[in-house]
Amino acid sequence: MTDIKAVLRQCPLFRPFPAAGIEAAAGLARVRGFRADEPIYGKGVMQSTLSVIAEGSVRISSVNSAGREAILVIFEPGAWFGDTVFSPGMPRVFGATAHEAATVVELPGEGFRQLMARYPEVYPVALDLVSRRLWSAMSLIEEDALRGIEARVGRRLLFLSQMQSEGEVPGHPVTLRLTREHIASMMGMTRQGVHGVLKGFQGQGLLASAYGQVTITDPPALAAYLEGLD
């Protein structure tokens, strides 16, 4: 059984809430389970539910008319998604899909906004978290336009590790549940092209890989290496 209050407490967006606020949020929430690759919501949907991952992982992506999926980011337990909670009346910009079997705690957008109004100390934290995501998205656009393939792949992996550490470069190894196909989808590359780049990083001791996952063995070292490519 999912402990909703424990899930909310580990989410950065809910940390400023006092105990009474967590209690109220838990009273509004519902728990939903999803199979691997099951859609949570689609691009363009008009709803503002806020979601927090209790177990598993969720990928945020867009699918074109030909069925090709472009993955933006993959979130792990403790992460929140559903940015339209801050912009009621706006459609979802991306879709969300269970990357692996996932359990998600959902709160209605209007209920969450009312809680923020009741506890205004949450606003600076929420603004900081949303700003960090916007900055990260703008950085990805810049990298795709100005940097070579090696730097683009390395920075995308570093970005994914930062999403697990509230926007900071973690000082410990980080394992990402990604295949080469997933990375190729993110980068608009072929699987063979991704394989060559990852092999180069592995040769320098910056990455390790196993079936279905990639581990950044030393994120600060990878960040320093990528700075040298600029």
C-alpha atoms as a PDB file:
ATOM      1  CA  MET A   1       0.000   0.000   0.000  1.00  0.00           C
ATOM      2  CA  THR A   2       1.368   3.401  -1.008  1.00  0.00           C
ATOM      3  CA  ASP A   3       2.080   5.837   1.841  1.00  0.00           C
ATOM      4  CA  ILE A   4       0.869   9.013   0.125  1.00  0.00           C
ATOM      5  CA  LYS A   5       2.242  11.394   2.755  1.00  0.00           C
ATOM      6  CA  ALA A   6       5.690   9.783   2.581  1.00  0.00           C
ATOM      7  CA  VAL A   7       5.688  10.087  -1.220  1.00  0.00           C
ATOM      8  CA  LEU A   8       4.746  13.770  -1.036  1.00  0.00           C
ATOM      9  CA  ARG A   9       7.391  14.525   1.580  1.00  0.00           C
ATOM     10  CA  GLN A  10      10.179  13.200  -0.646  1.00  0.00           C
ATOM     11  CA  CYS A  11       9.060  15.413  -3.557  1.00  0.00           C
ATOM     12  CA  PRO A  12      10.910  18.773  -3.754  1.00  0.00           C
ATOM     13  CA  LEU A  13       7.708  20.611  -4.650  1.00  0.00           C
ATOM     14  CA  PHE A  14       6.060  19.584  -1.372  1.00  0.00           C
ATOM     15  CA  ARG A  15       8.975  20.073   1.023  1.00  0.00           C
ATOM     16  CA  PRO A  16       7.991  23.650   1.979  1.00  0.00           C
ATOM     17  CA  PHE A  17       4.519  22.516   3.042  1.00  0.00           C
ATOM     18  CA  PRO A  18       3.981  22.175   6.813  1.00  0.00           C
ATOM     19  CA  ALA A  19       2.620  18.946   8.223  1.00  0.00           C
ATOM     20  CA  ALA A  20      -0.943  20.260   7.978  1.00  0.00           C
ATOM     21  CA  GLY A  21      -0.398  21.042   4.297  1.00  0.00           C
ATOM     22  CA  ILE A  22       0.917  17.546   3.585  1.00  0.00           C
ATOM     23  CA  GLU A  23      -2.073  16.113   5.407  1.00  0.00           C
ATOM     24  CA  ALA A  24      -4.453  18.224   3.317  1.00  0.00           C
ATOM     25  CA  ALA A  25      -2.661  17.293   0.072  1.00  0.00           C
ATOM     26  CA  ALA A  26      -2.824  13.596   0.927  1.00  0.00           C
ATOM     27  CA  GLY A  27      -6.555  13.965   1.446  1.00  0.00           C
ATOM     28  CA  LEU A  28      -6.949  15.258  -2.118  1.00  0.00           C
ATOM     29  CA  ALA A  29      -4.684  12.673  -3.732  1.00  0.00           C
ATOM     30  CA  ARG A  30      -5.354   9.367  -5.413  1.00  0.00           C
ATOM     31  CA  VAL A  31      -2.946   6.568  -6.282  1.00  0.00           C
ATOM     32  CA  ARG A  32      -2.788   5.110  -9.782  1.00  0.00           C
ATOM     33  CA  GLY A  33      -0.766   2.228 -11.172  1.00  0.00           C
ATOM     34  CA  PHE A  34       0.484   1.909 -14.749  1.00  0.00           C
ATOM     35  CA  ARG A  35       2.068  -0.902 -16.724  1.00  0.00           C
ATOM     36  CA  ALA A  36       5.337  -0.333 -18.575  1.00  0.00           C
ATOM     37  CA  ASP A  37       4.703   1.769 -21.715  1.00  0.00           C
ATOM     38  CA  GLU A  38       1.113   2.551 -20.665  1.00  0.00           C
ATOM     39  CA  PRO A  39       0.126   6.180 -21.383  1.00  0.00           C
ATOM     40  CA  ILE A  40      -0.597   8.391 -18.369  1.00  0.00           C
ATOM     41  CA  TYR A  41      -1.856  11.311 -20.438  1.00  0.00           C
ATOM     42  CA  GLY A  42      -1.389  12.482 -24.001  1.00  0.00           C
ATOM     43  CA  LYS A  43      -0.043  15.638 -25.594  1.00  0.00           C
ATOM     44  CA  GLY A  44      -2.713  18.306 -25.943  1.00  0.00           C
ATOM     45  CA  VAL A  45      -4.942  16.993 -23.150  1.00  0.00           C
ATOM     46  CA  MET A  46      -6.794  19.765 -21.312  1.00  0.00           C
ATOM     47  CA  GLN A  47      -6.254  18.886 -17.663  1.00  0.00           C
ATOM     48  CA  SER A  48      -3.915  20.128 -14.961  1.00  0.00           C
ATOM     49  CA  THR A  49      -3.389  17.163 -12.656  1.00  0.00           C
ATOM     50  CA  LEU A  50      -0.127  17.260 -10.710  1.00  0.00           C
ATOM     51  CA  SER A  51       1.623  13.889 -10.425  1.00  0.00           C
ATOM     52  CA  VAL A  52       4.359  12.608  -8.111  1.00  0.00           C
ATOM     53  CA  ILE A  53       6.134   9.318  -8.822  1.00  0.00           C
ATOM     54  CA  ALA A  54       5.976   6.831  -5.959  1.00  0.00           C
ATOM     55  CA  GLU A  55       7.570   3.859  -7.742  1.00  0.00           C
ATOM     56  CA  GLY A  56       8.994   3.156 -11.193  1.00  0.00           C
ATOM     57  CA  SER A  57       9.785   5.833 -13.755  1.00  0.00           C
ATOM     58  CA  VAL A  58       7.909   8.026 -16.226  1.00  0.00           C
ATOM     59  CA  ARG A  59       9.040   9.422 -19.545  1.00  0.00           C
ATOM     60  CA  ILE A  60       7.884  12.757 -20.916  1.00  0.00           C
ATOM     61  CA  SER A  61       7.730  12.723 -24.710  1.00  0.00           C
ATOM     62  CA  SER A  62       5.956  13.693 -27.902  1.00  0.00           C
ATOM     63  CA  VAL A  63       4.750  11.350 -30.659  1.00  0.00           C
ATOM     64  CA  ASN A  64       4.337  12.493 -34.259  1.00  0.00           C
ATOM     65  CA  SER A  65       1.678  11.388 -36.750  1.00  0.00           C
ATOM     66  CA  ALA A  66       3.929   8.553 -37.951  1.00  0.00           C
ATOM     67  CA  GLY A  67       4.169   7.163 -34.417  1.00  0.00           C
ATOM     68  CA  ARG A  68       7.770   8.202 -33.828  1.00  0.00           C
ATOM     69  CA  GLU A  69       8.422   9.125 -30.208  1.00  0.00           C
ATOM     70  CA  ALA A  70      10.812  11.884 -29.178  1.00  0.00           C
ATOM     71  CA  ILE A  71      11.755  11.520 -25.497  1.00  0.00           C
ATOM     72  CA  LEU A  72      12.509  14.704 -23.567  1.00  0.00           C
ATOM     73  CA  VAL A  73      13.228  13.406 -20.072  1.00  0.00           C
ATOM     74  CA  ILE A  74      12.719  10.396 -17.804  1.00  0.00           C
ATOM     75  CA  PHE A  75      11.661  11.014 -14.205  1.00  0.00           C
ATOM     76  CA  GLU A  76      12.391   8.734 -11.248  1.00  0.00           C
ATOM     77  CA  PRO A  77      10.649   8.265  -7.861  1.00  0.00           C
ATOM     78  CA  GLY A  78      10.151  11.508  -5.947  1.00  0.00           C
ATOM     79  CA  ALA A  79       9.950  13.627  -9.094  1.00  0.00           C
ATOM     80  CA  TRP A  80       6.838  15.598 -10.013  1.00  0.00           C
ATOM     81  CA  PHE A  81       5.425  16.217 -13.464  1.00  0.00           C
ATOM     82  CA  GLY A  82       2.444  18.028 -14.923  1.00  0.00           C
ATOM     83  CA  ASP A  83       3.698  21.617 -15.264  1.00  0.00           C
ATOM     84  CA  THR A  84       0.310  22.805 -16.573  1.00  0.00           C
ATOM     85  CA  VAL A  85      -0.858  22.746 -12.949  1.00  0.00           C
ATOM     86  CA  PHE A  86       0.609  26.274 -12.896  1.00  0.00           C
ATOM     87  CA  SER A  87      -1.202  27.281 -16.115  1.00  0.00           C
ATOM     88  CA  PRO A  88      -4.831  26.143 -15.848  1.00  0.00           C
ATOM     89  CA  GLY A  89      -6.654  26.152 -19.162  1.00  0.00           C
ATOM     90  CA  MET A  90      -3.516  25.330 -21.172  1.00  0.00           C
ATOM     91  CA  PRO A  91      -3.116  21.981 -22.973  1.00  0.00           C
ATOM     92  CA  ARG A  92      -0.398  19.510 -22.118  1.00  0.00           C
ATOM     93  CA  VAL A  93       2.702  20.353 -24.159  1.00  0.00           C
ATOM     94  CA  PHE A  94       4.043  16.784 -23.914  1.00  0.00           C
ATOM     95  CA  GLY A  95       2.627  13.377 -23.108  1.00  0.00           C
ATOM     96  CA  ALA A  96       3.579  11.196 -20.144  1.00  0.00           C
ATOM     97  CA  THR A  97       4.065   7.416 -20.306  1.00  0.00           C
ATOM     98  CA  ALA A  98       5.111   4.840 -17.714  1.00  0.00           C
ATOM     99  CA  HIS A  99       8.695   4.088 -18.701  1.00  0.00           C
ATOM    100  CA  GLU A 100       8.540   0.985 -16.537  1.00  0.00           C
ATOM    101  CA  ALA A 101       5.748  -0.217 -14.258  1.00  0.00           C
ATOM    102  CA  ALA A 102       4.942   2.849 -12.178  1.00  0.00           C
ATOM    103  CA  THR A 103       2.844   4.003  -9.247  1.00  0.00           C
ATOM    104  CA  VAL A 104       1.849   7.661  -9.327  1.00  0.00           C
ATOM    105  CA  VAL A 105       0.196   9.920  -6.742  1.00  0.00           C
ATOM    106  CA  GLU A 106      -2.107  12.425  -8.448  1.00  0.00           C
ATOM    107  CA  LEU A 107      -3.573  15.667  -7.122  1.00  0.00           C
ATOM    108  CA  PRO A 108      -6.247  17.736  -8.901  1.00  0.00           C
ATOM    109  CA  GLY A 109      -4.780  20.975 -10.211  1.00  0.00           C
ATOM    110  CA  GLU A 110      -7.361  23.244  -8.623  1.00  0.00           C
ATOM    111  CA  GLY A 111      -6.902  21.573  -5.243  1.00  0.00           C
ATOM    112  CA  PHE A 112      -3.122  22.009  -5.414  1.00  0.00           C
ATOM    113  CA  ARG A 113      -3.463  25.686  -6.375  1.00  0.00           C
ATOM    114  CA  GLN A 114      -5.779  26.257  -3.421  1.00  0.00           C
ATOM    115  CA  LEU A 115      -3.208  24.650  -1.132  1.00  0.00           C
ATOM    116  CA  MET A 116      -0.502  26.983  -2.459  1.00  0.00           C
ATOM    117  CA  ALA A 117      -2.765  29.954  -1.762  1.00  0.00           C
ATOM    118  CA  ARG A 118      -3.238  28.668   1.799  1.00  0.00           C
ATOM    119  CA  TYR A 119       0.524  28.205   2.273  1.00  0.00           C
ATOM    120  CA  PRO A 120       2.200  31.048   0.291  1.00  0.00           C
ATOM    121  CA  GLU A 121       5.641  30.048   1.578  1.00  0.00           C
ATOM    122  CA  VAL A 122       5.528  27.382  -1.135  1.00  0.00           C
ATOM    123  CA  TYR A 123       5.571  29.907  -3.992  1.00  0.00           C
ATOM    124  CA  PRO A 124       9.326  30.778  -3.956  1.00  0.00           C
ATOM    125  CA  VAL A 125      10.252  27.085  -4.024  1.00  0.00           C
ATOM    126  CA  ALA A 126       7.785  26.306  -6.813  1.00  0.00           C
ATOM    127  CA  LEU A 127       9.054  29.290  -8.841  1.00  0.00           C
ATOM    128  CA  ASP A 128      12.652  28.147  -8.396  1.00  0.00           C
ATOM    129  CA  LEU A 129      11.856  24.580  -9.476  1.00  0.00           C
ATOM    130  CA  VAL A 130       9.899  25.697 -12.551  1.00  0.00           C
ATOM    131  CA  SER A 131      12.658  28.175 -13.451  1.00  0.00           C
ATOM    132  CA  ARG A 132      15.280  25.431 -13.227  1.00  0.00           C
ATOM    133  CA  ARG A 133      13.267  23.306 -15.652  1.00  0.00           C
ATOM    134  CA  LEU A 134      12.875  26.222 -18.053  1.00  0.00           C
ATOM    135  CA  TRP A 135      16.604  26.933 -17.874  1.00  0.00           C
ATOM    136  CA  SER A 136      17.359  23.258 -18.548  1.00  0.00           C
ATOM    137  CA  ALA A 137      15.018  23.210 -21.555  1.00  0.00           C
ATOM    138  CA  MET A 138      16.617  26.354 -22.997  1.00  0.00           C
ATOM    139  CA  SER A 139      20.063  24.840 -22.461  1.00  0.00           C
ATOM    140  CA  LEU A 140      19.061  21.739 -24.440  1.00  0.00           C
ATOM    141  CA  ILE A 141      17.914  23.924 -27.328  1.00  0.00           C
ATOM    142  CA  GLU A 142      21.241  25.751 -27.290  1.00  0.00           C
ATOM    143  CA  GLU A 143      23.213  22.519 -27.188  1.00  0.00           C
ATOM    144  CA  ASP A 144      21.321  21.012 -30.120  1.00  0.00           C
ATOM    145  CA  ALA A 145      22.045  24.119 -32.172  1.00  0.00           C
ATOM    146  CA  LEU A 146      25.670  24.797 -31.274  1.00  0.00           C
ATOM    147  CA  ARG A 147      27.424  21.653 -30.076  1.00  0.00           C
ATOM    148  CA  GLY A 148      28.728  18.473 -31.643  1.00  0.00           C
ATOM    149  CA  ILE A 149      27.264  15.010 -31.185  1.00  0.00           C
ATOM    150  CA  GLU A 150      29.564  13.940 -28.350  1.00  0.00           C
ATOM    151  CA  ALA A 151      28.793  17.058 -26.310  1.00  0.00           C
ATOM    152  CA  ARG A 152      25.066  16.789 -27.014  1.00  0.00           C
ATOM    153  CA  VAL A 153      24.819  13.172 -25.852  1.00  0.00           C
ATOM    154  CA  GLY A 154      26.998  13.764 -22.803  1.00  0.00           C
ATOM    155  CA  ARG A 155      25.064  16.840 -21.740  1.00  0.00           C
ATOM    156  CA  ARG A 156      21.731  15.100 -22.184  1.00  0.00           C
ATOM    157  CA  LEU A 157      22.860  12.283 -19.900  1.00  0.00           C
ATOM    158  CA  LEU A 158      24.146  14.820 -17.396  1.00  0.00           C
ATOM    159  CA  PHE A 159      20.809  16.655 -17.609  1.00  0.00           C
ATOM    160  CA  LEU A 160      18.952  13.437 -16.791  1.00  0.00           C
ATOM    161  CA  SER A 161      21.191  12.870 -13.765  1.00  0.00           C
ATOM    162  CA  GLN A 162      20.507  16.433 -12.609  1.00  0.00           C
ATOM    163  CA  MET A 163      16.750  15.804 -12.823  1.00  0.00           C
ATOM    164  CA  GLN A 164      17.291  13.199 -10.084  1.00  0.00           C
ATOM    165  CA  SER A 165      19.210  15.711  -7.939  1.00  0.00           C
ATOM    166  CA  GLU A 166      16.978  18.808  -8.022  1.00  0.00           C
ATOM    167  CA  GLY A 167      18.961  20.482 -10.787  1.00  0.00           C
ATOM    168  CA  GLU A 168      22.443  20.027  -9.330  1.00  0.00           C
ATOM    169  CA  VAL A 169      25.245  17.889 -10.734  1.00  0.00           C
ATOM    170  CA  PRO A 170      25.281  14.912  -8.325  1.00  0.00           C
ATOM    171  CA  GLY A 171      28.538  13.959  -6.674  1.00  0.00           C
ATOM    172  CA  HIS A 172      27.873  10.231  -6.826  1.00  0.00           C
ATOM    173  CA  PRO A 173      27.276   7.638  -9.576  1.00  0.00           C
ATOM    174  CA  VAL A 174      23.824   7.847 -11.170  1.00  0.00           C
ATOM    175  CA  THR A 175      22.157   4.992 -13.032  1.00  0.00           C
ATOM    176  CA  LEU A 176      19.696   5.879 -15.784  1.00  0.00           C
ATOM    177  CA  ARG A 177      17.230   3.279 -17.055  1.00  0.00           C
ATOM    178  CA  LEU A 178      17.941   3.891 -20.725  1.00  0.00           C
ATOM    179  CA  THR A 179      18.647   1.770 -23.764  1.00  0.00           C
ATOM    180  CA  ARG A 180      20.599   3.037 -26.740  1.00  0.00           C
ATOM    181  CA  GLU A 181      17.267   3.248 -28.569  1.00  0.00           C
ATOM    182  CA  HIS A 182      15.916   5.597 -25.903  1.00  0.00           C
ATOM    183  CA  ILE A 183      18.963   7.841 -26.177  1.00  0.00           C
ATOM    184  CA  ALA A 184      18.741   7.801 -29.971  1.00  0.00           C
ATOM    185  CA  SER A 185      15.087   8.891 -29.667  1.00  0.00           C
ATOM    186  CA  MET A 186      16.082  11.767 -27.416  1.00  0.00           C
ATOM    187  CA  MET A 187      18.859  12.954 -29.685  1.00  0.00           C
ATOM    188  CA  GLY A 188      17.378  12.335 -33.126  1.00  0.00           C
ATOM    189  CA  MET A 189      20.249   9.960 -33.875  1.00  0.00           C
ATOM    190  CA  THR A 190      20.702   6.370 -34.963  1.00  0.00           C
ATOM    191  CA  ARG A 191      21.362   3.612 -32.451  1.00  0.00           C
ATOM    192  CA  GLN A 192      24.746   3.019 -34.067  1.00  0.00           C
ATOM    193  CA  GLY A 193      25.684   6.670 -33.659  1.00  0.00           C
ATOM    194  CA  VAL A 194      24.754   6.613 -29.982  1.00  0.00           C
ATOM    195  CA  HIS A 195      26.700   3.383 -29.468  1.00  0.00           C
ATOM    196  CA  GLY A 196      29.866   4.994 -30.803  1.00  0.00           C
ATOM    197  CA  VAL A 197      29.585   8.000 -28.499  1.00  0.00           C
ATOM    198  CA  LEU A 198      28.831   5.877 -25.420  1.00  0.00           C
ATOM    199  CA  LYS A 199      31.737   3.591 -26.210  1.00  0.00           C
ATOM    200  CA  GLY A 200      34.035   6.622 -26.263  1.00  0.00           C
ATOM    201  CA  PHE A 201      32.776   7.784 -22.853  1.00  0.00           C
ATOM    202  CA  GLN A 202      33.188   4.265 -21.464  1.00  0.00           C
ATOM    203  CA  GLY A 203      36.763   4.130 -22.708  1.00  0.00           C
ATOM    204  CA  GLN A 204      37.525   7.208 -20.590  1.00  0.00           C
ATOM    205  CA  GLY A 205      35.844   5.764 -17.512  1.00  0.00           C
ATOM    206  CA  LEU A 206      33.023   8.301 -17.534  1.00  0.00           C
ATOM    207  CA  LEU A 207      30.224   5.803 -18.168  1.00  0.00           C
ATOM    208  CA  ALA A 208      29.390   2.155 -17.572  1.00  0.00           C
ATOM    209  CA  SER A 209      26.546   0.292 -19.211  1.00  0.00           C
ATOM    210  CA  ALA A 210      24.526  -2.847 -18.666  1.00  0.00           C
ATOM    211  CA  TYR A 211      21.370  -4.207 -20.234  1.00  0.00           C
ATOM    212  CA  GLY A 212      18.753  -1.439 -20.282  1.00  0.00           C
ATOM    213  CA  GLN A 213      20.754   1.059 -18.264  1.00  0.00           C
ATOM    214  CA  VAL A 214      23.618   3.538 -18.356  1.00  0.00           C
ATOM    215  CA  THR A 215      25.581   4.613 -15.273  1.00  0.00           C
ATOM    216  CA  ILE A 216      27.398   7.941 -15.077  1.00  0.00           C
ATOM    217  CA  THR A 217      30.232   6.809 -12.855  1.00  0.00           C
ATOM    218  CA  ASP A 218      31.488  10.295 -11.951  1.00  0.00           C
ATOM    219  CA  PRO A 219      29.067  13.121 -12.907  1.00  0.00           C
ATOM    220  CA  PRO A 220      31.469  15.976 -11.954  1.00  0.00           C
ATOM    221  CA  ALA A 221      34.177  14.398 -14.113  1.00  0.00           C
ATOM    222  CA  LEU A 222      31.746  14.101 -17.033  1.00  0.00           C
ATOM    223  CA  ALA A 223      30.726  17.746 -16.549  1.00  0.00           C
ATOM    224  CA  ALA A 224      34.397  18.818 -16.562  1.00  0.00           C
ATOM    225  CA  TYR A 225      35.090  16.764 -19.682  1.00  0.00           C
ATOM    226  CA  LEU A 226      32.141  18.317 -21.498  1.00  0.00           C
ATOM    227  CA  GLU A 227      33.290  21.817 -20.539  1.00  0.00           C
ATOM    228  CA  GLY A 228      36.556  21.019 -22.286  1.00  0.00           C
ATOM    229  CA  LEU A 229      34.676  20.280 -25.516  1.00  0.00           C
ATOM    230  CA  ASP A 230      33.176  23.803 -25.697  1.00  0.00           C
END
